[in-house]
Amino acid sequence: MRSTPLIRKFYRLKRSRLKVKTTKSLLLKDCTKLFNKIILKERINKCEWCGRTKRLNIGHILPKGQYPRLRYFKQNVILFCFPCHPPRWHNNPLEAAKFMLETRGENYREKLLVYDKILPRLTNIQIGLYILAFKQEINLRRNVQNTSSSQSPHTPD
């Protein structure tokens, strides 16, 4: 049985829609890259679980899909190496809960849920403002590093 031109046109149209990225998804991608840079510098490039310094990635305590308002909230972010992130954090919830209790305290999840209710929803404008703020923070850190490295101890002649 042959497909009609109308059906072929529909499938072509459906495929082309999947490739188009929205402005919000592009903004989120840029914002996430900048946010990850900031977190990696803040947390001194070290896994919070085992202390490794290689193959690091960022995880969220409360999932960013369910709690999009907490996506760029620094207290909701945790830094793991790749061997710790999926097997320990995602696949072993009892071990992850014990780790959170030891490192963050007893009511940490409830505190994050309060912030989720307080923080506004992410709009394109707000994501753009986050991008500007993250870029400024990265530039400030870069400037501080440059000034501290250029101010080496000066010995009198």
N, C-alpha and C. Protein backbone atom coordinates (compact mmCIF):
# COMPACT_ATOMS: atom_id res chain seq x y z
N MET A 1 0.83 -1.17 0.00
CA MET A 1 0.00 0.00 0.00
C MET A 1 0.88 1.24 0.00
N ARG A 2 0.58 2.15 -0.87
CA ARG A 2 1.35 3.39 -0.99
C ARG A 2 0.82 4.44 -0.04
N SER A 3 1.74 5.29 0.42
CA SER A 3 1.29 6.40 1.27
C SER A 3 0.89 7.57 0.39
N THR A 4 -0.11 8.25 0.79
CA THR A 4 -0.61 9.39 0.01
C THR A 4 0.29 10.60 0.22
N PRO A 5 0.27 11.55 -0.71
CA PRO A 5 1.09 12.76 -0.55
C PRO A 5 0.77 13.52 0.74
N LEU A 6 -0.47 13.48 1.16
CA LEU A 6 -0.85 14.19 2.38
C LEU A 6 -0.17 13.57 3.61
N ILE A 7 -0.14 12.23 3.65
CA ILE A 7 0.52 11.55 4.77
C ILE A 7 2.02 11.83 4.75
N ARG A 8 2.64 11.78 3.55
CA ARG A 8 4.08 12.09 3.46
C ARG A 8 4.37 13.51 3.92
N LYS A 9 3.52 14.45 3.55
CA LYS A 9 3.70 15.84 3.93
C LYS A 9 3.59 15.98 5.46
N PHE A 10 2.63 15.27 6.06
CA PHE A 10 2.46 15.32 7.50
C PHE A 10 3.72 14.81 8.22
N TYR A 11 4.28 13.68 7.77
CA TYR A 11 5.47 13.14 8.42
C TYR A 11 6.67 14.05 8.25
N ARG A 12 6.82 14.67 7.07
CA ARG A 12 7.91 15.63 6.87
C ARG A 12 7.75 16.82 7.80
N LEU A 13 6.53 17.30 7.94
CA LEU A 13 6.26 18.43 8.82
C LEU A 13 6.55 18.06 10.28
N LYS A 14 6.15 16.87 10.68
CA LYS A 14 6.37 16.42 12.05
C LYS A 14 7.86 16.31 12.35
N ARG A 15 8.65 15.77 11.39
CA ARG A 15 10.09 15.65 11.58
C ARG A 15 10.75 17.01 11.67
N SER A 16 10.32 17.96 10.85
CA SER A 16 10.94 19.28 10.86
C SER A 16 10.66 20.03 12.17
N ARG A 17 9.51 19.80 12.78
CA ARG A 17 9.19 20.44 14.05
C ARG A 17 10.09 19.95 15.17
N LEU A 18 10.49 18.69 15.11
CA LEU A 18 11.34 18.13 16.15
C LEU A 18 12.72 18.78 16.16
N LYS A 19 13.21 19.21 15.00
CA LYS A 19 14.54 19.77 14.90
C LYS A 19 14.60 21.23 15.35
N VAL A 20 13.49 21.91 15.34
CA VAL A 20 13.47 23.32 15.70
C VAL A 20 13.59 23.44 17.22
N LYS A 21 14.57 24.24 17.65
CA LYS A 21 14.74 24.47 19.08
C LYS A 21 14.09 25.79 19.44
N THR A 22 13.45 25.80 20.57
CA THR A 22 12.79 27.03 21.00
C THR A 22 13.82 27.97 21.62
N THR A 23 13.44 29.22 21.72
CA THR A 23 14.30 30.22 22.33
C THR A 23 14.59 29.85 23.78
N LYS A 24 13.58 29.36 24.48
CA LYS A 24 13.77 29.02 25.88
C LYS A 24 14.76 27.88 26.05
N SER A 25 14.69 26.87 25.20
CA SER A 25 15.63 25.75 25.33
C SER A 25 17.06 26.18 25.04
N LEU A 26 17.24 27.10 24.08
CA LEU A 26 18.59 27.61 23.80
C LEU A 26 19.10 28.46 24.96
N LEU A 27 18.22 29.27 25.53
CA LEU A 27 18.61 30.07 26.70
C LEU A 27 18.97 29.17 27.88
N LEU A 28 18.18 28.14 28.12
CA LEU A 28 18.46 27.21 29.21
C LEU A 28 19.80 26.53 29.03
N LYS A 29 20.12 26.17 27.79
CA LYS A 29 21.39 25.51 27.51
C LYS A 29 22.57 26.44 27.84
N ASP A 30 22.50 27.69 27.39
CA ASP A 30 23.55 28.67 27.68
C ASP A 30 23.66 28.93 29.19
N CYS A 31 22.52 29.09 29.82
CA CYS A 31 22.48 29.38 31.24
C CYS A 31 23.07 28.22 32.05
N THR A 32 22.75 27.00 31.66
CA THR A 32 23.25 25.82 32.36
C THR A 32 24.76 25.72 32.23
N LYS A 33 25.31 26.00 31.05
CA LYS A 33 26.77 25.96 30.87
C LYS A 33 27.46 26.94 31.81
N LEU A 34 26.94 28.16 31.88
CA LEU A 34 27.53 29.17 32.75
C LEU A 34 27.39 28.79 34.22
N PHE A 35 26.22 28.30 34.59
CA PHE A 35 25.97 27.89 35.97
C PHE A 35 26.91 26.76 36.37
N ASN A 36 27.12 25.79 35.48
CA ASN A 36 28.03 24.68 35.77
C ASN A 36 29.45 25.17 35.99
N LYS A 37 29.90 26.14 35.19
CA LYS A 37 31.24 26.71 35.38
C LYS A 37 31.39 27.31 36.77
N ILE A 38 30.37 28.05 37.18
CA ILE A 38 30.41 28.70 38.49
C ILE A 38 30.46 27.65 39.61
N ILE A 39 29.63 26.64 39.52
CA ILE A 39 29.59 25.59 40.55
C ILE A 39 30.92 24.86 40.62
N LEU A 40 31.50 24.54 39.46
CA LEU A 40 32.79 23.83 39.46
C LEU A 40 33.88 24.67 40.13
N LYS A 41 33.86 25.98 39.92
CA LYS A 41 34.86 26.82 40.57
C LYS A 41 34.58 26.99 42.06
N GLU A 42 33.33 27.11 42.42
CA GLU A 42 32.96 27.29 43.83
C GLU A 42 33.27 26.07 44.67
N ARG A 43 33.00 24.92 44.15
CA ARG A 43 33.15 23.68 44.93
C ARG A 43 34.55 23.09 44.80
N ILE A 44 35.46 23.82 44.27
CA ILE A 44 36.88 23.46 44.18
C ILE A 44 37.12 22.17 43.41
N ASN A 45 36.32 21.92 42.38
CA ASN A 45 36.52 20.76 41.50
C ASN A 45 36.75 19.46 42.27
N LYS A 46 35.85 19.15 43.17
CA LYS A 46 36.01 17.97 44.00
C LYS A 46 34.67 17.30 44.22
N CYS A 47 34.62 15.99 44.03
CA CYS A 47 33.38 15.23 44.27
C CYS A 47 33.01 15.33 45.74
N GLU A 48 31.76 15.64 46.02
CA GLU A 48 31.33 15.80 47.40
C GLU A 48 31.18 14.46 48.12
N TRP A 49 31.14 13.37 47.36
CA TRP A 49 30.96 12.06 47.97
C TRP A 49 32.31 11.40 48.28
N CYS A 50 33.17 11.32 47.26
CA CYS A 50 34.42 10.56 47.44
C CYS A 50 35.68 11.42 47.38
N GLY A 51 35.58 12.64 46.86
CA GLY A 51 36.74 13.52 46.82
C GLY A 51 37.54 13.47 45.52
N ARG A 52 37.10 12.68 44.54
CA ARG A 52 37.82 12.64 43.26
C ARG A 52 37.75 13.99 42.56
N THR A 53 38.70 14.22 41.68
CA THR A 53 38.73 15.50 40.97
C THR A 53 38.55 15.34 39.46
N LYS A 54 38.37 14.13 38.97
CA LYS A 54 38.21 13.91 37.53
C LYS A 54 36.79 13.47 37.20
N ARG A 55 36.38 13.79 35.96
CA ARG A 55 35.07 13.39 35.42
C ARG A 55 33.92 13.85 36.32
N LEU A 56 33.92 15.13 36.63
CA LEU A 56 32.89 15.69 37.51
C LEU A 56 31.65 16.10 36.73
N ASN A 57 30.51 15.92 37.34
CA ASN A 57 29.26 16.44 36.78
C ASN A 57 28.36 16.91 37.92
N ILE A 58 27.38 17.68 37.54
CA ILE A 58 26.53 18.34 38.52
C ILE A 58 25.19 17.62 38.61
N GLY A 59 24.76 17.35 39.82
CA GLY A 59 23.46 16.74 40.06
C GLY A 59 22.59 17.68 40.88
N HIS A 60 21.31 17.41 40.86
CA HIS A 60 20.37 18.22 41.63
C HIS A 60 19.77 17.37 42.74
N ILE A 61 19.67 17.95 43.91
CA ILE A 61 19.10 17.24 45.05
C ILE A 61 17.61 16.99 44.78
N LEU A 62 16.88 18.05 44.48
CA LEU A 62 15.50 17.90 44.00
C LEU A 62 15.56 17.99 42.47
N PRO A 63 14.98 17.05 41.74
CA PRO A 63 15.14 17.01 40.28
C PRO A 63 14.71 18.30 39.60
N LYS A 64 15.52 18.72 38.62
CA LYS A 64 15.23 19.98 37.92
C LYS A 64 13.99 19.87 37.03
N GLY A 65 13.61 18.67 36.65
CA GLY A 65 12.39 18.49 35.87
C GLY A 65 11.14 18.72 36.70
N GLN A 66 11.14 18.21 37.92
CA GLN A 66 9.98 18.36 38.80
C GLN A 66 9.96 19.73 39.48
N TYR A 67 11.15 20.29 39.72
CA TYR A 67 11.26 21.56 40.43
C TYR A 67 12.09 22.54 39.59
N PRO A 68 11.54 23.04 38.48
CA PRO A 68 12.33 23.90 37.59
C PRO A 68 12.75 25.21 38.22
N ARG A 69 12.06 25.65 39.24
CA ARG A 69 12.44 26.90 39.91
C ARG A 69 13.76 26.75 40.65
N LEU A 70 14.10 25.53 41.03
CA LEU A 70 15.33 25.27 41.78
C LEU A 70 16.49 24.85 40.86
N ARG A 71 16.30 24.95 39.57
CA ARG A 71 17.31 24.52 38.60
C ARG A 71 18.64 25.25 38.80
N TYR A 72 18.59 26.56 39.03
CA TYR A 72 19.80 27.36 39.20
C TYR A 72 19.96 27.85 40.63
N PHE A 73 19.43 27.14 41.56
CA PHE A 73 19.54 27.48 42.97
C PHE A 73 20.73 26.69 43.52
N LYS A 74 21.76 27.40 43.98
CA LYS A 74 23.03 26.75 44.34
C LYS A 74 22.89 25.73 45.46
N GLN A 75 21.95 25.94 46.36
CA GLN A 75 21.78 24.99 47.45
C GLN A 75 21.14 23.68 46.99
N ASN A 76 20.58 23.66 45.80
CA ASN A 76 19.96 22.45 45.26
C ASN A 76 20.94 21.65 44.41
N VAL A 77 22.15 22.12 44.28
CA VAL A 77 23.13 21.49 43.40
C VAL A 77 24.16 20.74 44.22
N ILE A 78 24.57 19.60 43.69
CA ILE A 78 25.58 18.79 44.34
C ILE A 78 26.57 18.33 43.27
N LEU A 79 27.84 18.32 43.59
CA LEU A 79 28.89 18.00 42.62
C LEU A 79 29.38 16.57 42.86
N PHE A 80 29.29 15.74 41.82
CA PHE A 80 29.71 14.34 41.90
C PHE A 80 30.66 14.01 40.77
N CYS A 81 31.49 13.01 40.99
CA CYS A 81 32.25 12.43 39.89
C CYS A 81 31.33 11.42 39.19
N PHE A 82 31.71 11.02 38.00
CA PHE A 82 30.83 10.11 37.24
C PHE A 82 30.63 8.77 37.94
N PRO A 83 31.68 8.16 38.56
CA PRO A 83 31.44 6.88 39.25
C PRO A 83 30.49 6.98 40.45
N CYS A 84 30.35 8.16 41.03
CA CYS A 84 29.44 8.31 42.19
C CYS A 84 28.04 8.72 41.79
N HIS A 85 27.90 9.52 40.73
CA HIS A 85 26.61 10.11 40.41
C HIS A 85 25.52 9.08 40.08
N PRO A 86 25.62 8.36 38.96
CA PRO A 86 24.50 7.42 38.68
C PRO A 86 24.39 6.25 39.65
N PRO A 87 25.50 5.53 39.95
CA PRO A 87 25.30 4.34 40.79
C PRO A 87 24.91 4.64 42.23
N ARG A 88 25.48 5.67 42.81
CA ARG A 88 25.18 5.94 44.22
C ARG A 88 23.97 6.86 44.38
N TRP A 89 23.93 7.93 43.61
CA TRP A 89 22.88 8.94 43.81
C TRP A 89 21.54 8.50 43.23
N HIS A 90 21.54 8.00 41.99
CA HIS A 90 20.28 7.65 41.34
C HIS A 90 19.82 6.22 41.61
N ASN A 91 20.75 5.29 41.70
CA ASN A 91 20.36 3.89 41.80
C ASN A 91 20.30 3.37 43.24
N ASN A 92 20.74 4.14 44.19
CA ASN A 92 20.73 3.68 45.57
C ASN A 92 20.15 4.77 46.48
N PRO A 93 18.83 4.91 46.52
CA PRO A 93 18.22 6.01 47.27
C PRO A 93 18.48 5.97 48.77
N LEU A 94 18.65 4.79 49.36
CA LEU A 94 18.92 4.71 50.80
C LEU A 94 20.30 5.27 51.13
N GLU A 95 21.28 4.91 50.32
CA GLU A 95 22.63 5.43 50.52
C GLU A 95 22.67 6.94 50.27
N ALA A 96 21.92 7.41 49.27
CA ALA A 96 21.86 8.85 48.98
C ALA A 96 21.20 9.61 50.13
N ALA A 97 20.15 9.04 50.70
CA ALA A 97 19.47 9.69 51.83
C ALA A 97 20.39 9.77 53.04
N LYS A 98 21.15 8.71 53.27
CA LYS A 98 22.10 8.70 54.39
C LYS A 98 23.19 9.76 54.17
N PHE A 99 23.66 9.86 52.93
CA PHE A 99 24.68 10.87 52.59
C PHE A 99 24.14 12.28 52.81
N MET A 100 22.90 12.53 52.39
CA MET A 100 22.30 13.85 52.56
C MET A 100 22.11 14.18 54.05
N LEU A 101 21.73 13.20 54.83
CA LEU A 101 21.54 13.42 56.26
C LEU A 101 22.87 13.79 56.92
N GLU A 102 23.94 13.09 56.53
CA GLU A 102 25.25 13.35 57.12
C GLU A 102 25.84 14.70 56.68
N THR A 103 25.64 15.07 55.42
CA THR A 103 26.30 16.27 54.90
C THR A 103 25.45 17.53 54.99
N ARG A 104 24.14 17.42 54.82
CA ARG A 104 23.30 18.61 54.75
C ARG A 104 22.41 18.81 55.97
N GLY A 105 22.18 17.78 56.73
CA GLY A 105 21.31 17.92 57.89
C GLY A 105 19.96 17.28 57.68
N GLU A 106 19.14 17.35 58.71
CA GLU A 106 17.90 16.59 58.72
C GLU A 106 16.80 17.13 57.83
N ASN A 107 16.50 18.42 57.87
CA ASN A 107 15.35 18.96 57.16
C ASN A 107 15.74 19.69 55.87
N TYR A 108 16.80 19.28 55.25
CA TYR A 108 17.30 20.02 54.08
C TYR A 108 16.30 19.98 52.91
N ARG A 109 15.70 18.83 52.67
CA ARG A 109 14.74 18.70 51.57
C ARG A 109 13.54 19.62 51.78
N GLU A 110 13.06 19.68 53.01
CA GLU A 110 11.91 20.54 53.31
C GLU A 110 12.25 22.02 53.11
N LYS A 111 13.48 22.40 53.46
CA LYS A 111 13.91 23.79 53.24
C LYS A 111 13.92 24.12 51.75
N LEU A 112 14.40 23.18 50.93
CA LEU A 112 14.41 23.40 49.48
C LEU A 112 12.98 23.51 48.94
N LEU A 113 12.07 22.72 49.46
CA LEU A 113 10.68 22.79 49.01
C LEU A 113 10.06 24.15 49.33
N VAL A 114 10.46 24.76 50.43
CA VAL A 114 9.98 26.10 50.77
C VAL A 114 10.48 27.10 49.72
N TYR A 115 11.76 26.98 49.35
CA TYR A 115 12.31 27.87 48.31
C TYR A 115 11.60 27.67 46.98
N ASP A 116 11.21 26.43 46.69
CA ASP A 116 10.50 26.17 45.44
C ASP A 116 9.18 26.93 45.39
N LYS A 117 8.53 27.09 46.52
CA LYS A 117 7.26 27.83 46.56
C LYS A 117 7.48 29.34 46.47
N ILE A 118 8.63 29.80 46.97
CA ILE A 118 8.91 31.24 47.02
C ILE A 118 9.43 31.77 45.69
N LEU A 119 10.33 31.03 45.07
CA LEU A 119 11.00 31.51 43.85
C LEU A 119 10.01 31.63 42.69
N PRO A 120 10.19 32.64 41.82
CA PRO A 120 9.28 32.79 40.67
C PRO A 120 9.57 31.76 39.59
N ARG A 121 8.61 31.60 38.68
CA ARG A 121 8.78 30.69 37.55
C ARG A 121 9.84 31.24 36.60
N LEU A 122 10.49 30.32 35.87
CA LEU A 122 11.51 30.74 34.92
C LEU A 122 10.86 31.19 33.61
N THR A 123 11.06 32.43 33.27
CA THR A 123 10.61 32.95 31.97
C THR A 123 11.85 33.24 31.13
N ASN A 124 11.64 33.52 29.85
CA ASN A 124 12.77 33.83 28.97
C ASN A 124 13.55 35.04 29.49
N ILE A 125 12.84 36.05 29.97
CA ILE A 125 13.50 37.25 30.49
C ILE A 125 14.33 36.92 31.72
N GLN A 126 13.77 36.12 32.61
CA GLN A 126 14.49 35.76 33.82
C GLN A 126 15.72 34.91 33.50
N ILE A 127 15.60 34.00 32.55
CA ILE A 127 16.75 33.19 32.15
C ILE A 127 17.84 34.09 31.55
N GLY A 128 17.43 35.07 30.75
CA GLY A 128 18.38 36.04 30.20
C GLY A 128 19.09 36.81 31.30
N LEU A 129 18.35 37.19 32.35
CA LEU A 129 18.96 37.87 33.48
C LEU A 129 19.93 36.96 34.23
N TYR A 130 19.56 35.70 34.37
CA TYR A 130 20.48 34.73 34.98
C TYR A 130 21.78 34.65 34.17
N ILE A 131 21.66 34.59 32.85
CA ILE A 131 22.85 34.50 32.00
C ILE A 131 23.74 35.71 32.23
N LEU A 132 23.15 36.91 32.26
CA LEU A 132 23.95 38.11 32.51
C LEU A 132 24.63 38.05 33.88
N ALA A 133 23.88 37.64 34.89
CA ALA A 133 24.45 37.56 36.24
C ALA A 133 25.56 36.52 36.32
N PHE A 134 25.37 35.37 35.67
CA PHE A 134 26.40 34.33 35.69
C PHE A 134 27.66 34.81 34.97
N LYS A 135 27.49 35.50 33.83
CA LYS A 135 28.65 36.03 33.11
C LYS A 135 29.41 37.05 33.96
N GLN A 136 28.68 37.90 34.67
CA GLN A 136 29.33 38.87 35.54
C GLN A 136 30.10 38.18 36.66
N GLU A 137 29.50 37.15 37.24
CA GLU A 137 30.18 36.43 38.32
C GLU A 137 31.45 35.75 37.82
N ILE A 138 31.40 35.17 36.63
CA ILE A 138 32.59 34.54 36.06
C ILE A 138 33.65 35.59 35.79
N ASN A 139 33.27 36.74 35.23
CA ASN A 139 34.24 37.81 34.97
C ASN A 139 34.84 38.34 36.26
N LEU A 140 34.03 38.49 37.30
CA LEU A 140 34.55 38.95 38.59
C LEU A 140 35.58 37.97 39.15
N ARG A 141 35.25 36.70 39.08
CA ARG A 141 36.20 35.68 39.56
C ARG A 141 37.50 35.72 38.76
N ARG A 142 37.38 35.89 37.45
CA ARG A 142 38.55 35.97 36.58
C ARG A 142 39.41 37.19 36.94
N ASN A 143 38.76 38.34 37.17
CA ASN A 143 39.48 39.55 37.54
C ASN A 143 40.17 39.41 38.88
N VAL A 144 39.51 38.77 39.85
CA VAL A 144 40.12 38.56 41.16
C VAL A 144 41.34 37.66 41.04
N GLN A 145 41.25 36.61 40.22
CA GLN A 145 42.39 35.72 40.02
C GLN A 145 43.54 36.45 39.36
N ASN A 146 43.23 37.30 38.35
CA ASN A 146 44.28 38.04 37.65
C ASN A 146 44.98 39.03 38.57
N THR A 147 44.22 39.73 39.41
CA THR A 147 44.83 40.70 40.31
C THR A 147 45.65 40.02 41.40
N SER A 148 45.18 38.88 41.88
CA SER A 148 45.94 38.18 42.92
C SER A 148 47.22 37.56 42.37
N SER A 149 47.19 37.11 41.12
CA SER A 149 48.40 36.54 40.53
C SER A 149 49.38 37.62 40.10
N SER A 150 48.88 38.82 39.75
CA SER A 150 49.79 39.90 39.33
C SER A 150 50.40 40.61 40.53
N GLN A 151 49.78 40.49 41.71
CA GLN A 151 50.31 41.11 42.92
C GLN A 151 51.19 40.12 43.66
N SER A 152 52.25 39.70 43.01
CA SER A 152 53.18 38.77 43.67
C SER A 152 53.99 39.55 44.68
N PRO A 153 54.53 38.87 45.66
CA PRO A 153 55.31 39.58 46.68
C PRO A 153 56.48 40.33 46.04
N HIS A 154 56.56 41.60 46.36
CA HIS A 154 57.59 42.46 45.76
C HIS A 154 58.73 42.63 46.76
N THR A 155 59.89 42.32 46.31
CA THR A 155 61.05 42.49 47.18
C THR A 155 61.72 43.81 46.89
N PRO A 156 62.07 44.57 47.91
CA PRO A 156 62.75 45.85 47.68
C PRO A 156 64.15 45.64 47.15
N ASP A 157 64.61 46.57 46.36
CA ASP A 157 65.96 46.47 45.77
C ASP A 157 67.03 46.84 46.75
